PDB file of all heavy atoms in Angstrom:
ATOM      1  N   ALA A   1      -2.626  -1.014  16.633  1.00  0.00           N
ATOM      2  CA  ALA A   1      -1.190  -0.735  16.643  1.00  0.00           C
ATOM      3  C   ALA A   1      -0.345  -1.994  16.814  1.00  0.00           C
ATOM      4  O   ALA A   1       0.683  -2.159  16.153  1.00  0.00           O
ATOM      5  CB  ALA A   1      -0.868   0.264  17.744  1.00  0.00           C
ATOM      6  N   GLU A   2      -0.760  -2.890  17.688  1.00  0.00           N
ATOM      7  CA  GLU A   2       0.047  -4.096  17.939  1.00  0.00           C
ATOM      8  C   GLU A   2       0.165  -4.956  16.684  1.00  0.00           C
ATOM      9  O   GLU A   2       1.259  -5.387  16.298  1.00  0.00           O
ATOM     10  CB  GLU A   2      -0.554  -4.913  19.079  1.00  0.00           C
ATOM     11  CG  GLU A   2       0.272  -6.147  19.428  1.00  0.00           C
ATOM     12  CD  GLU A   2      -0.317  -6.937  20.577  1.00  0.00           C
ATOM     13  OE1 GLU A   2      -1.208  -6.433  21.282  1.00  0.00           O
ATOM     14  OE2 GLU A   2       0.129  -8.083  20.764  1.00  0.00           O
ATOM     15  N   ALA A   3      -0.958  -5.205  16.026  1.00  0.00           N
ATOM     16  CA  ALA A   3      -0.938  -6.006  14.799  1.00  0.00           C
ATOM     17  C   ALA A   3      -0.150  -5.304  13.702  1.00  0.00           C
ATOM     18  O   ALA A   3       0.576  -5.945  12.937  1.00  0.00           O
ATOM     19  CB  ALA A   3      -2.361  -6.291  14.331  1.00  0.00           C
ATOM     20  N   ARG A   4      -0.269  -3.984  13.630  1.00  0.00           N
ATOM     21  CA  ARG A   4       0.419  -3.247  12.569  1.00  0.00           C
ATOM     22  C   ARG A   4       1.933  -3.258  12.743  1.00  0.00           C
ATOM     23  O   ARG A   4       2.677  -3.076  11.780  1.00  0.00           O
ATOM     24  CB  ARG A   4      -0.094  -1.806  12.489  1.00  0.00           C
ATOM     25  CG  ARG A   4      -1.444  -1.673  11.854  1.00  0.00           C
ATOM     26  CD  ARG A   4      -1.439  -2.114  10.382  1.00  0.00           C
ATOM     27  NE  ARG A   4      -0.771  -1.157   9.535  1.00  0.00           N
ATOM     28  CZ  ARG A   4       0.325  -1.392   8.842  1.00  0.00           C
ATOM     29  NH1 ARG A   4       0.903  -2.581   8.890  1.00  0.00           N
ATOM     30  NH2 ARG A   4       0.854  -0.456   8.084  1.00  0.00           N
ATOM     31  N   ARG A   5       2.395  -3.465  13.972  1.00  0.00           N
ATOM     32  CA  ARG A   5       3.849  -3.575  14.165  1.00  0.00           C
ATOM     33  C   ARG A   5       4.379  -4.890  13.613  1.00  0.00           C
ATOM     34  O   ARG A   5       5.563  -4.998  13.282  1.00  0.00           O
ATOM     35  CB  ARG A   5       4.199  -3.458  15.650  1.00  0.00           C
ATOM     36  CG  ARG A   5       4.156  -2.035  16.191  1.00  0.00           C
ATOM     37  CD  ARG A   5       4.777  -1.945  17.563  1.00  0.00           C
ATOM     38  NE  ARG A   5       3.955  -2.592  18.579  1.00  0.00           N
ATOM     39  CZ  ARG A   5       2.987  -1.973  19.261  1.00  0.00           C
ATOM     40  NH1 ARG A   5       2.716  -0.706  19.020  1.00  0.00           N
ATOM     41  NH2 ARG A   5       2.285  -2.622  20.179  1.00  0.00           N
ATOM     42  N   ARG A   6       3.515  -5.887  13.501  1.00  0.00           N
ATOM     43  CA  ARG A   6       3.956  -7.223  13.096  1.00  0.00           C
ATOM     44  C   ARG A   6       3.525  -7.603  11.683  1.00  0.00           C
ATOM     45  O   ARG A   6       4.260  -8.269  10.950  1.00  0.00           O
ATOM     46  CB  ARG A   6       3.411  -8.252  14.089  1.00  0.00           C
ATOM     47  CG  ARG A   6       3.917  -9.654  13.897  1.00  0.00           C
ATOM     48  CD  ARG A   6       3.352 -10.582  14.941  1.00  0.00           C
ATOM     49  NE  ARG A   6       1.901 -10.558  14.966  1.00  0.00           N
ATOM     50  CZ  ARG A   6       1.128 -11.183  14.072  1.00  0.00           C
ATOM     51  NH1 ARG A   6       1.672 -11.849  13.074  1.00  0.00           N
ATOM     52  NH2 ARG A   6      -0.184 -11.127  14.161  1.00  0.00           N
ATOM     53  N   VAL A   7       2.328  -7.198  11.287  1.00  0.00           N
ATOM     54  CA  VAL A   7       1.770  -7.610   9.999  1.00  0.00           C
ATOM     55  C   VAL A   7       2.023  -6.525   8.963  1.00  0.00           C
ATOM     56  O   VAL A   7       1.677  -5.365   9.167  1.00  0.00           O
ATOM     57  CB  VAL A   7       0.255  -7.883  10.118  1.00  0.00           C
ATOM     58  CG1 VAL A   7      -0.300  -8.347   8.779  1.00  0.00           C
ATOM     59  CG2 VAL A   7      -0.028  -8.909  11.199  1.00  0.00           C
ATOM     60  N   ARG A   8       2.628  -6.923   7.857  1.00  0.00           N
ATOM     61  CA  ARG A   8       2.888  -5.982   6.761  1.00  0.00           C
ATOM     62  C   ARG A   8       1.719  -6.026   5.783  1.00  0.00           C
ATOM     63  O   ARG A   8       1.162  -7.092   5.503  1.00  0.00           O
ATOM     64  CB  ARG A   8       4.175  -6.356   6.040  1.00  0.00           C
ATOM     65  CG  ARG A   8       5.386  -6.492   6.950  1.00  0.00           C
ATOM     66  CD  ARG A   8       6.063  -5.177   7.169  1.00  0.00           C
ATOM     67  NE  ARG A   8       6.883  -4.828   6.000  1.00  0.00           N
ATOM     68  CZ  ARG A   8       7.356  -3.614   5.777  1.00  0.00           C
ATOM     69  NH1 ARG A   8       7.084  -2.633   6.600  1.00  0.00           N
ATOM     70  NH2 ARG A   8       8.104  -3.379   4.722  1.00  0.00           N
ATOM     71  N   LEU A   9       1.370  -4.864   5.252  1.00  0.00           N
ATOM     72  CA  LEU A   9       0.223  -4.757   4.349  1.00  0.00           C
ATOM     73  C   LEU A   9       0.709  -4.508   2.925  1.00  0.00           C
ATOM     74  O   LEU A   9       1.513  -3.602   2.685  1.00  0.00           O
ATOM     75  CB  LEU A   9      -0.703  -3.635   4.804  1.00  0.00           C
ATOM     76  CG  LEU A   9      -1.205  -3.747   6.253  1.00  0.00           C
ATOM     77  CD1 LEU A   9      -2.189  -2.625   6.564  1.00  0.00           C
ATOM     78  CD2 LEU A   9      -1.826  -5.115   6.536  1.00  0.00           C
ATOM     79  N   VAL A  10       0.195  -5.320   1.999  1.00  0.00           N
ATOM     80  CA  VAL A  10       0.675  -5.340   0.618  1.00  0.00           C
ATOM     81  C   VAL A  10      -0.432  -4.869  -0.318  1.00  0.00           C
ATOM     82  O   VAL A  10      -1.554  -5.380  -0.285  1.00  0.00           O
ATOM     83  CB  VAL A  10       1.112  -6.767   0.219  1.00  0.00           C
ATOM     84  CG1 VAL A  10       1.650  -6.790  -1.214  1.00  0.00           C
ATOM     85  CG2 VAL A  10       2.151  -7.311   1.205  1.00  0.00           C
ATOM     86  N   GLY A  11      -0.108  -3.911  -1.171  1.00  0.00           N
ATOM     87  CA  GLY A  11      -1.037  -3.463  -2.208  1.00  0.00           C
ATOM     88  C   GLY A  11      -0.681  -4.098  -3.536  1.00  0.00           C
ATOM     89  O   GLY A  11       0.464  -3.994  -3.988  1.00  0.00           O
ATOM     90  N   VAL A  12      -1.646  -4.782  -4.166  1.00  0.00           N
ATOM     91  CA  VAL A  12      -1.413  -5.479  -5.428  1.00  0.00           C
ATOM     92  C   VAL A  12      -1.969  -4.624  -6.570  1.00  0.00           C
ATOM     93  O   VAL A  12      -3.165  -4.315  -6.600  1.00  0.00           O
ATOM     94  CB  VAL A  12      -2.075  -6.867  -5.433  1.00  0.00           C
ATOM     95  CG1 VAL A  12      -1.815  -7.589  -6.757  1.00  0.00           C
ATOM     96  CG2 VAL A  12      -1.575  -7.700  -4.248  1.00  0.00           C
ATOM     97  N   PHE A  13      -1.095  -4.264  -7.511  1.00  0.00           N
ATOM     98  CA  PHE A  13      -1.464  -3.393  -8.620  1.00  0.00           C
ATOM     99  C   PHE A  13      -1.086  -4.040  -9.952  1.00  0.00           C
ATOM    100  O   PHE A  13      -0.048  -4.695 -10.050  1.00  0.00           O
ATOM    101  CB  PHE A  13      -0.747  -2.051  -8.496  1.00  0.00           C
ATOM    102  CG  PHE A  13      -1.086  -1.286  -7.236  1.00  0.00           C
ATOM    103  CD1 PHE A  13      -0.359  -1.500  -6.068  1.00  0.00           C
ATOM    104  CD2 PHE A  13      -2.131  -0.378  -7.220  1.00  0.00           C
ATOM    105  CE1 PHE A  13      -0.675  -0.803  -4.905  1.00  0.00           C
ATOM    106  CE2 PHE A  13      -2.446   0.325  -6.066  1.00  0.00           C
ATOM    107  CZ  PHE A  13      -1.721   0.109  -4.903  1.00  0.00           C
ATOM    108  N   VAL A  14      -1.902  -3.810 -10.964  1.00  0.00           N
ATOM    109  CA  VAL A  14      -1.652  -4.392 -12.280  1.00  0.00           C
ATOM    110  C   VAL A  14      -1.314  -3.325 -13.311  1.00  0.00           C
ATOM    111  O   VAL A  14      -0.317  -3.425 -14.015  1.00  0.00           O
ATOM    112  CB  VAL A  14      -2.866  -5.225 -12.758  1.00  0.00           C
ATOM    113  CG1 VAL A  14      -2.631  -5.759 -14.164  1.00  0.00           C
ATOM    114  CG2 VAL A  14      -3.138  -6.366 -11.793  1.00  0.00           C
ATOM    115  N   ARG A  15      -2.109  -2.274 -13.399  1.00  0.00           N
ATOM    116  CA  ARG A  15      -1.973  -1.352 -14.537  1.00  0.00           C
ATOM    117  C   ARG A  15      -1.696   0.100 -14.182  1.00  0.00           C
ATOM    118  O   ARG A  15      -1.440   0.919 -15.055  1.00  0.00           O
ATOM    119  CB  ARG A  15      -3.221  -1.443 -15.420  1.00  0.00           C
ATOM    120  CG  ARG A  15      -4.500  -1.110 -14.720  1.00  0.00           C
ATOM    121  CD  ARG A  15      -5.719  -1.462 -15.570  1.00  0.00           C
ATOM    122  NE  ARG A  15      -6.116  -2.844 -15.367  1.00  0.00           N
ATOM    123  CZ  ARG A  15      -6.561  -3.638 -16.325  1.00  0.00           C
ATOM    124  NH1 ARG A  15      -6.660  -3.212 -17.558  1.00  0.00           N
ATOM    125  NH2 ARG A  15      -6.900  -4.872 -16.059  1.00  0.00           N
ATOM    126  N   GLU A  16      -1.751   0.442 -12.899  1.00  0.00           N
ATOM    127  CA  GLU A  16      -1.596   1.840 -12.509  1.00  0.00           C
ATOM    128  C   GLU A  16      -0.157   2.326 -12.694  1.00  0.00           C
ATOM    129  O   GLU A  16       0.802   1.545 -12.645  1.00  0.00           O
ATOM    130  CB  GLU A  16      -2.005   2.033 -11.041  1.00  0.00           C
ATOM    131  CG  GLU A  16      -3.473   1.777 -10.761  1.00  0.00           C
ATOM    132  CD  GLU A  16      -3.809   0.320 -10.563  1.00  0.00           C
ATOM    133  OE1 GLU A  16      -2.917  -0.549 -10.732  1.00  0.00           O
ATOM    134  OE2 GLU A  16      -4.967   0.017 -10.249  1.00  0.00           O
ATOM    135  N   SER A  17      -0.004   3.632 -12.861  1.00  0.00           N
ATOM    136  CA  SER A  17       1.331   4.236 -12.939  1.00  0.00           C
ATOM    137  C   SER A  17       1.959   4.236 -11.546  1.00  0.00           C
ATOM    138  O   SER A  17       1.262   4.086 -10.530  1.00  0.00           O
ATOM    139  CB  SER A  17       1.236   5.674 -13.451  1.00  0.00           C
ATOM    140  OG  SER A  17       0.626   6.508 -12.466  1.00  0.00           O
ATOM    141  N   THR A  18       3.264   4.432 -11.498  1.00  0.00           N
ATOM    142  CA  THR A  18       3.926   4.453 -10.193  1.00  0.00           C
ATOM    143  C   THR A  18       3.439   5.620  -9.335  1.00  0.00           C
ATOM    144  O   THR A  18       3.335   5.486  -8.111  1.00  0.00           O
ATOM    145  CB  THR A  18       5.458   4.510 -10.345  1.00  0.00           C
ATOM    146  OG1 THR A  18       5.820   5.624 -11.162  1.00  0.00           O
ATOM    147  CG2 THR A  18       5.993   3.222 -10.959  1.00  0.00           C
ATOM    148  N   ASP A  19       3.111   6.745  -9.948  1.00  0.00           N
ATOM    149  CA  ASP A  19       2.572   7.879  -9.186  1.00  0.00           C
ATOM    150  C   ASP A  19       1.218   7.526  -8.582  1.00  0.00           C
ATOM    151  O   ASP A  19       0.939   7.837  -7.413  1.00  0.00           O
ATOM    152  CB  ASP A  19       2.428   9.119 -10.069  1.00  0.00           C
ATOM    153  CG  ASP A  19       3.765   9.783 -10.387  1.00  0.00           C
ATOM    154  OD1 ASP A  19       4.762   9.481  -9.688  1.00  0.00           O
ATOM    155  OD2 ASP A  19       3.822  10.582 -11.332  1.00  0.00           O
ATOM    156  N   GLU A  20       0.369   6.879  -9.364  1.00  0.00           N
ATOM    157  CA  GLU A  20      -0.947   6.465  -8.866  1.00  0.00           C
ATOM    158  C   GLU A  20      -0.805   5.422  -7.760  1.00  0.00           C
ATOM    159  O   GLU A  20      -1.536   5.454  -6.753  1.00  0.00           O
ATOM    160  CB  GLU A  20      -1.784   5.902 -10.014  1.00  0.00           C
ATOM    161  CG  GLU A  20      -2.229   6.952 -11.025  1.00  0.00           C
ATOM    162  CD  GLU A  20      -2.836   6.350 -12.269  1.00  0.00           C
ATOM    163  OE1 GLU A  20      -2.442   5.222 -12.658  1.00  0.00           O
ATOM    164  OE2 GLU A  20      -3.709   7.012 -12.865  1.00  0.00           O
ATOM    165  N   ILE A  21       0.131   4.511  -7.937  1.00  0.00           N
ATOM    166  CA  ILE A  21       0.361   3.480  -6.921  1.00  0.00           C
ATOM    167  C   ILE A  21       0.828   4.113  -5.618  1.00  0.00           C
ATOM    168  O   ILE A  21       0.319   3.801  -4.530  1.00  0.00           O
ATOM    169  CB  ILE A  21       1.387   2.450  -7.421  1.00  0.00           C
ATOM    170  CG1 ILE A  21       0.784   1.618  -8.554  1.00  0.00           C
ATOM    171  CG2 ILE A  21       1.848   1.542  -6.278  1.00  0.00           C
ATOM    172  CD1 ILE A  21       1.789   0.739  -9.278  1.00  0.00           C
ATOM    173  N   ALA A  22       1.798   5.001  -5.695  1.00  0.00           N
ATOM    174  CA  ALA A  22       2.337   5.636  -4.485  1.00  0.00           C
ATOM    175  C   ALA A  22       1.241   6.411  -3.747  1.00  0.00           C
ATOM    176  O   ALA A  22       1.160   6.358  -2.510  1.00  0.00           O
ATOM    177  CB  ALA A  22       3.497   6.553  -4.840  1.00  0.00           C
ATOM    178  N   ALA A  23       0.400   7.104  -4.493  1.00  0.00           N
ATOM    179  CA  ALA A  23      -0.684   7.865  -3.867  1.00  0.00           C
ATOM    180  C   ALA A  23      -1.657   6.934  -3.143  1.00  0.00           C
ATOM    181  O   ALA A  23      -2.080   7.200  -2.007  1.00  0.00           O
ATOM    182  CB  ALA A  23      -1.415   8.700  -4.917  1.00  0.00           C
ATOM    183  N   ALA A  24      -2.019   5.819  -3.791  1.00  0.00           N
ATOM    184  CA  ALA A  24      -2.934   4.857  -3.176  1.00  0.00           C
ATOM    185  C   ALA A  24      -2.307   4.213  -1.943  1.00  0.00           C
ATOM    186  O   ALA A  24      -2.984   4.028  -0.918  1.00  0.00           O
ATOM    187  CB  ALA A  24      -3.316   3.787  -4.196  1.00  0.00           C
ATOM    188  N   MET A  25      -1.058   3.875  -2.032  1.00  0.00           N
ATOM    189  CA  MET A  25      -0.363   3.259  -0.898  1.00  0.00           C
ATOM    190  C   MET A  25      -0.341   4.187   0.311  1.00  0.00           C
ATOM    191  O   MET A  25      -0.579   3.766   1.444  1.00  0.00           O
ATOM    192  CB  MET A  25       1.070   2.892  -1.309  1.00  0.00           C
ATOM    193  CG  MET A  25       1.181   1.773  -2.319  1.00  0.00           C
ATOM    194  SD  MET A  25       0.834   0.133  -1.628  1.00  0.00           S
ATOM    195  CE  MET A  25       2.269  -0.101  -0.563  1.00  0.00           C
ATOM    196  N   ARG A  26      -0.051   5.455   0.076  1.00  0.00           N
ATOM    197  CA  ARG A  26      -0.018   6.416   1.179  1.00  0.00           C
ATOM    198  C   ARG A  26      -1.402   6.599   1.792  1.00  0.00           C
ATOM    199  O   ARG A  26      -1.549   6.632   3.015  1.00  0.00           O
ATOM    200  CB  ARG A  26       0.531   7.754   0.699  1.00  0.00           C
ATOM    201  CG  ARG A  26       2.043   7.774   0.498  1.00  0.00           C
ATOM    202  CD  ARG A  26       2.564   9.182   0.309  1.00  0.00           C
ATOM    203  NE  ARG A  26       2.068   9.790  -0.926  1.00  0.00           N
ATOM    204  CZ  ARG A  26       2.691   9.723  -2.091  1.00  0.00           C
ATOM    205  NH1 ARG A  26       3.847   9.065  -2.192  1.00  0.00           N
ATOM    206  NH2 ARG A  26       2.186  10.303  -3.160  1.00  0.00           N
ATOM    207  N   ARG A  27      -2.420   6.727   0.958  1.00  0.00           N
ATOM    208  CA  ARG A  27      -3.780   6.930   1.457  1.00  0.00           C
ATOM    209  C   ARG A  27      -4.275   5.738   2.273  1.00  0.00           C
ATOM    210  O   ARG A  27      -4.990   5.902   3.269  1.00  0.00           O
ATOM    211  CB  ARG A  27      -4.734   7.207   0.299  1.00  0.00           C
ATOM    212  CG  ARG A  27      -4.622   8.618  -0.273  1.00  0.00           C
ATOM    213  CD  ARG A  27      -5.381   8.748  -1.575  1.00  0.00           C
ATOM    214  NE  ARG A  27      -6.787   8.357  -1.460  1.00  0.00           N
ATOM    215  CZ  ARG A  27      -7.542   7.971  -2.487  1.00  0.00           C
ATOM    216  NH1 ARG A  27      -7.030   7.909  -3.711  1.00  0.00           N
ATOM    217  NH2 ARG A  27      -8.807   7.643  -2.297  1.00  0.00           N
ATOM    218  N   ALA A  28      -3.904   4.536   1.847  1.00  0.00           N
ATOM    219  CA  ALA A  28      -4.364   3.332   2.541  1.00  0.00           C
ATOM    220  C   ALA A  28      -3.468   2.945   3.717  1.00  0.00           C
ATOM    221  O   ALA A  28      -3.872   2.141   4.552  1.00  0.00           O
ATOM    222  CB  ALA A  28      -4.450   2.167   1.559  1.00  0.00           C
TER     223      ALA A  28
END
């Protein structure tokens, strides 16, 4: 929890649709 308050997590995507990206982002 402490690290997650400070460190932002970035998902890098190349070819997925925005719906697929949003689903992956939420799951991760």
